[in-house]
């Protein structure tokens, strides 16, 4: 299996687990993952947040780790990447305001390349106008954005994921085993035990 080049667009207060766990898992199986953030360069750090489900009407938020970017957003050529990873958390709500981010997201859909979006990552997909006619899961609070974007919201358990065409999506980090496994399948990754 040849390793793939994966672009991961992140930002301050992105969900810690949704950044770190897929990043490390993809590296562990031989893929290259470049974490980038508009307005920041390789070596800069973003602050992450840990979102937890503790019985309230919505999730709670606690400080996460600092995540070091390993590429510079302004210098990446999206055409040189095989796939896109869009973590959730609060970052997508402002990352979708960058025209360059929207153009990058559209590139992966226009080219039919694998895309993995989890939790609030669907906000970036909706803003890019790529959900029309697609099924997409997301954190339940993002359901209106998926539907207003012309997509069908996949109302699935929080620990599952759904793949339709080149898009794998999931509600939140409890879905990591299914989400990452389905993304690996889209990438053509085979792991023998």
Protein backbone atom coordinates (compact mmCIF):
# COMPACT_ATOMS: atom_id res chain seq x y z
CA UNK A 1 0.00 0.00 0.00
CA UNK A 2 1.33 3.39 -0.96
CA UNK A 3 0.94 6.07 1.68
CA UNK A 4 -1.40 8.92 0.83
CA UNK A 5 -0.97 12.64 1.38
CA UNK A 6 -3.80 13.98 3.52
CA UNK A 7 -4.58 17.62 4.19
CA UNK A 8 -6.13 18.33 7.60
CA UNK A 9 -7.57 21.83 8.03
CA UNK A 10 -7.67 22.83 11.70
CA UNK A 11 -8.03 25.95 13.81
CA UNK A 12 -8.07 27.22 17.35
CA UNK A 13 -10.52 25.36 19.58
CA UNK A 14 -10.97 22.51 17.18
CA UNK A 15 -11.88 19.33 19.04
CA UNK A 16 -8.73 17.82 20.55
CA UNK A 17 -9.67 14.15 20.01
CA UNK A 18 -10.97 14.80 16.49
CA UNK A 19 -7.65 16.34 15.53
CA UNK A 20 -5.17 14.18 17.44
CA UNK A 21 -6.68 10.68 17.15
CA UNK A 22 -7.17 10.59 13.34
CA UNK A 23 -3.87 12.42 12.83
CA UNK A 24 -1.93 9.85 14.84
CA UNK A 25 -3.85 6.86 13.47
CA UNK A 26 -3.24 7.91 9.87
CA UNK A 27 0.46 8.48 10.54
CA UNK A 28 0.69 5.09 12.26
CA UNK A 29 -0.41 3.25 9.13
CA UNK A 30 1.99 5.09 6.83
CA UNK A 31 0.08 8.11 5.54
CA UNK A 32 1.39 11.67 5.54
CA UNK A 33 -0.89 14.20 7.23
CA UNK A 34 -0.32 17.93 6.99
CA UNK A 35 -2.12 19.95 9.65
CA UNK A 36 -2.69 23.50 8.43
CA UNK A 37 -4.54 26.59 9.60
CA UNK A 38 -5.17 29.80 7.64
CA UNK A 39 -3.08 32.66 8.95
CA UNK A 40 -0.58 30.33 10.62
CA UNK A 41 2.58 28.59 9.47
CA UNK A 42 4.40 25.34 10.13
CA UNK A 43 5.61 25.26 13.72
CA UNK A 44 2.80 27.49 15.01
CA UNK A 45 0.38 25.91 17.44
CA UNK A 46 -3.37 25.93 17.75
CA UNK A 47 -5.25 25.59 21.02
CA UNK A 48 -7.65 22.66 21.05
CA UNK A 49 -10.68 21.98 23.23
CA UNK A 50 -12.06 18.76 24.66
CA UNK A 51 -15.80 18.44 24.22
CA UNK A 52 -17.55 15.95 26.45
CA UNK A 53 -21.03 14.58 26.87
CA UNK A 54 -21.90 14.76 30.56
CA UNK A 55 -25.69 14.75 30.63
CA UNK A 56 -26.32 18.43 29.87
CA UNK A 57 -28.42 19.69 26.97
CA UNK A 58 -25.23 20.20 24.99
CA UNK A 59 -21.57 19.24 25.32
CA UNK A 60 -19.15 20.79 27.78
CA UNK A 61 -15.83 22.30 26.76
CA UNK A 62 -12.49 22.08 28.54
CA UNK A 63 -8.98 23.14 27.49
CA UNK A 64 -7.23 20.62 25.29
CA UNK A 65 -3.64 20.29 24.13
CA UNK A 66 -1.65 22.54 21.87
CA UNK A 67 -1.36 21.04 18.39
CA UNK A 68 1.72 21.96 16.34
CA UNK A 69 1.03 22.62 12.67
CA UNK A 70 3.43 20.84 10.35
CA UNK A 71 2.69 22.76 7.14
CA UNK A 72 1.82 26.31 6.15
CA UNK A 73 -1.70 26.82 4.79
CA UNK A 74 -0.67 29.63 2.41
CA UNK A 75 1.97 27.38 0.82
CA UNK A 76 0.02 24.16 0.27
CA UNK A 77 -1.07 23.06 -3.18
CA UNK A 78 -4.35 21.24 -2.55
CA UNK A 79 -4.03 19.43 -5.87
CA UNK A 80 -0.98 17.60 -4.47
CA UNK A 81 -3.08 15.93 -1.73
CA UNK A 82 -4.99 12.67 -2.05
CA UNK A 83 -7.59 13.34 0.65
CA UNK A 84 -9.04 15.89 3.08
CA UNK A 85 -9.71 15.53 6.82
CA UNK A 86 -12.03 18.05 8.51
CA UNK A 87 -12.16 17.77 12.32
CA UNK A 88 -14.94 19.37 14.35
CA UNK A 89 -15.10 21.52 17.44
CA UNK A 90 -15.54 25.28 17.29
CA UNK A 91 -12.94 25.89 14.58
CA UNK A 92 -15.17 25.11 11.56
CA UNK A 93 -17.58 27.92 12.46
CA UNK A 94 -14.90 30.51 11.67
CA UNK A 95 -12.68 28.55 9.25
CA UNK A 96 -15.61 28.52 6.81
CA UNK A 97 -15.28 32.30 6.58
CA UNK A 98 -11.95 32.00 4.71
CA UNK A 99 -12.49 31.88 0.93
CA UNK A 100 -9.26 29.86 0.60
CA UNK A 101 -10.64 27.17 2.94
CA UNK A 102 -13.88 26.97 0.97
CA UNK A 103 -11.91 26.66 -2.29
CA UNK A 104 -9.81 23.87 -0.78
CA UNK A 105 -12.88 21.94 0.36
CA UNK A 106 -14.48 22.31 -3.06
CA UNK A 107 -11.33 21.02 -4.76
CA UNK A 108 -11.55 17.66 -2.99
CA UNK A 109 -15.21 17.22 -3.88
CA UNK A 110 -14.79 18.41 -7.48
CA UNK A 111 -11.89 15.96 -7.90
CA UNK A 112 -13.79 13.11 -6.21
CA UNK A 113 -11.02 12.63 -3.63
CA UNK A 114 -11.76 11.06 -0.22
CA UNK A 115 -13.06 13.47 2.41
CA UNK A 116 -13.59 12.71 6.11
CA UNK A 117 -15.61 15.20 8.18
CA UNK A 118 -16.63 14.74 11.78
CA UNK A 119 -18.85 16.66 14.19
CA UNK A 120 -18.97 20.37 13.34
CA UNK A 121 -16.76 19.77 10.28
CA UNK A 122 -20.02 19.63 8.32
CA UNK A 123 -20.25 23.40 8.76
CA UNK A 124 -17.32 23.79 6.37
CA UNK A 125 -18.88 21.38 3.87
CA UNK A 126 -22.20 23.22 3.97
CA UNK A 127 -20.47 26.58 3.50
CA UNK A 128 -18.58 25.16 0.52
CA UNK A 129 -21.86 24.09 -1.08
CA UNK A 130 -20.82 20.46 -1.50
CA UNK A 131 -23.62 18.70 0.41
CA UNK A 132 -26.41 18.97 -2.17
CA UNK A 133 -27.81 15.48 -2.73
CA UNK A 134 -25.38 13.89 -0.26
CA UNK A 135 -25.89 12.07 3.01
CA UNK A 136 -23.81 13.54 5.82
CA UNK A 137 -23.64 12.96 9.54
CA UNK A 138 -22.55 15.65 11.99
CA UNK A 139 -23.09 16.73 15.55
CA UNK A 140 -26.89 17.01 15.90
CA UNK A 141 -26.71 20.81 16.31
CA UNK A 142 -25.35 20.95 12.74
CA UNK A 143 -28.37 19.15 11.25
CA UNK A 144 -29.94 22.44 10.04
CA UNK A 145 -26.76 23.36 8.17
CA UNK A 146 -26.56 19.95 6.47
CA UNK A 147 -30.21 20.20 5.42
CA UNK A 148 -30.04 23.88 4.39
CA UNK A 149 -26.99 22.91 2.32
CA UNK A 150 -29.16 20.47 0.38
CA UNK A 151 -27.89 17.35 2.12
CA UNK A 152 -29.65 14.57 3.93
CA UNK A 153 -28.70 14.49 7.60
CA UNK A 154 -27.68 10.99 8.71
CA UNK A 155 -29.21 10.69 12.19
CA UNK A 156 -27.01 7.84 13.41
CA UNK A 157 -25.73 6.78 16.84
CA UNK A 158 -22.83 8.87 18.15
CA UNK A 159 -20.44 5.90 17.89
CA UNK A 160 -21.06 5.17 14.20
CA UNK A 161 -20.11 6.70 10.85
CA UNK A 162 -21.57 6.74 7.36
CA UNK A 163 -19.87 6.66 3.97
CA UNK A 164 -21.51 7.87 0.77
CA UNK A 165 -19.33 8.07 -2.30
CA UNK A 166 -16.11 9.88 -1.42
CA UNK A 167 -17.43 11.27 1.91
CA UNK A 168 -17.21 9.62 5.31
CA UNK A 169 -18.85 11.50 8.17
CA UNK A 170 -19.67 10.95 11.83
CA UNK A 171 -21.45 12.75 14.68
CA UNK A 172 -18.52 13.07 17.12
CA UNK A 173 -15.33 11.50 18.49
CA UNK A 174 -17.01 8.43 20.04
CA UNK A 175 -17.31 7.28 16.40
CA UNK A 176 -13.54 7.20 15.83
CA UNK A 177 -13.24 3.41 15.35
CA UNK A 178 -15.91 3.40 12.62
CA UNK A 179 -14.97 6.83 11.21
CA UNK A 180 -11.26 6.07 10.87
CA UNK A 181 -11.89 2.54 9.53
CA UNK A 182 -14.23 3.86 6.84
CA UNK A 183 -11.79 6.64 5.91
CA UNK A 184 -8.99 4.07 5.62
CA UNK A 185 -11.22 2.07 3.26
CA UNK A 186 -11.77 5.17 1.09
CA UNK A 187 -8.00 5.69 1.07
CA UNK A 188 -7.46 2.10 -0.09
CA UNK A 189 -5.55 1.25 3.09
CA UNK A 190 -5.31 -2.40 3.98
CA UNK A 191 -4.04 -3.51 7.34
CA UNK A 192 -3.15 -7.13 8.01
CA UNK A 193 -3.07 -8.38 11.54
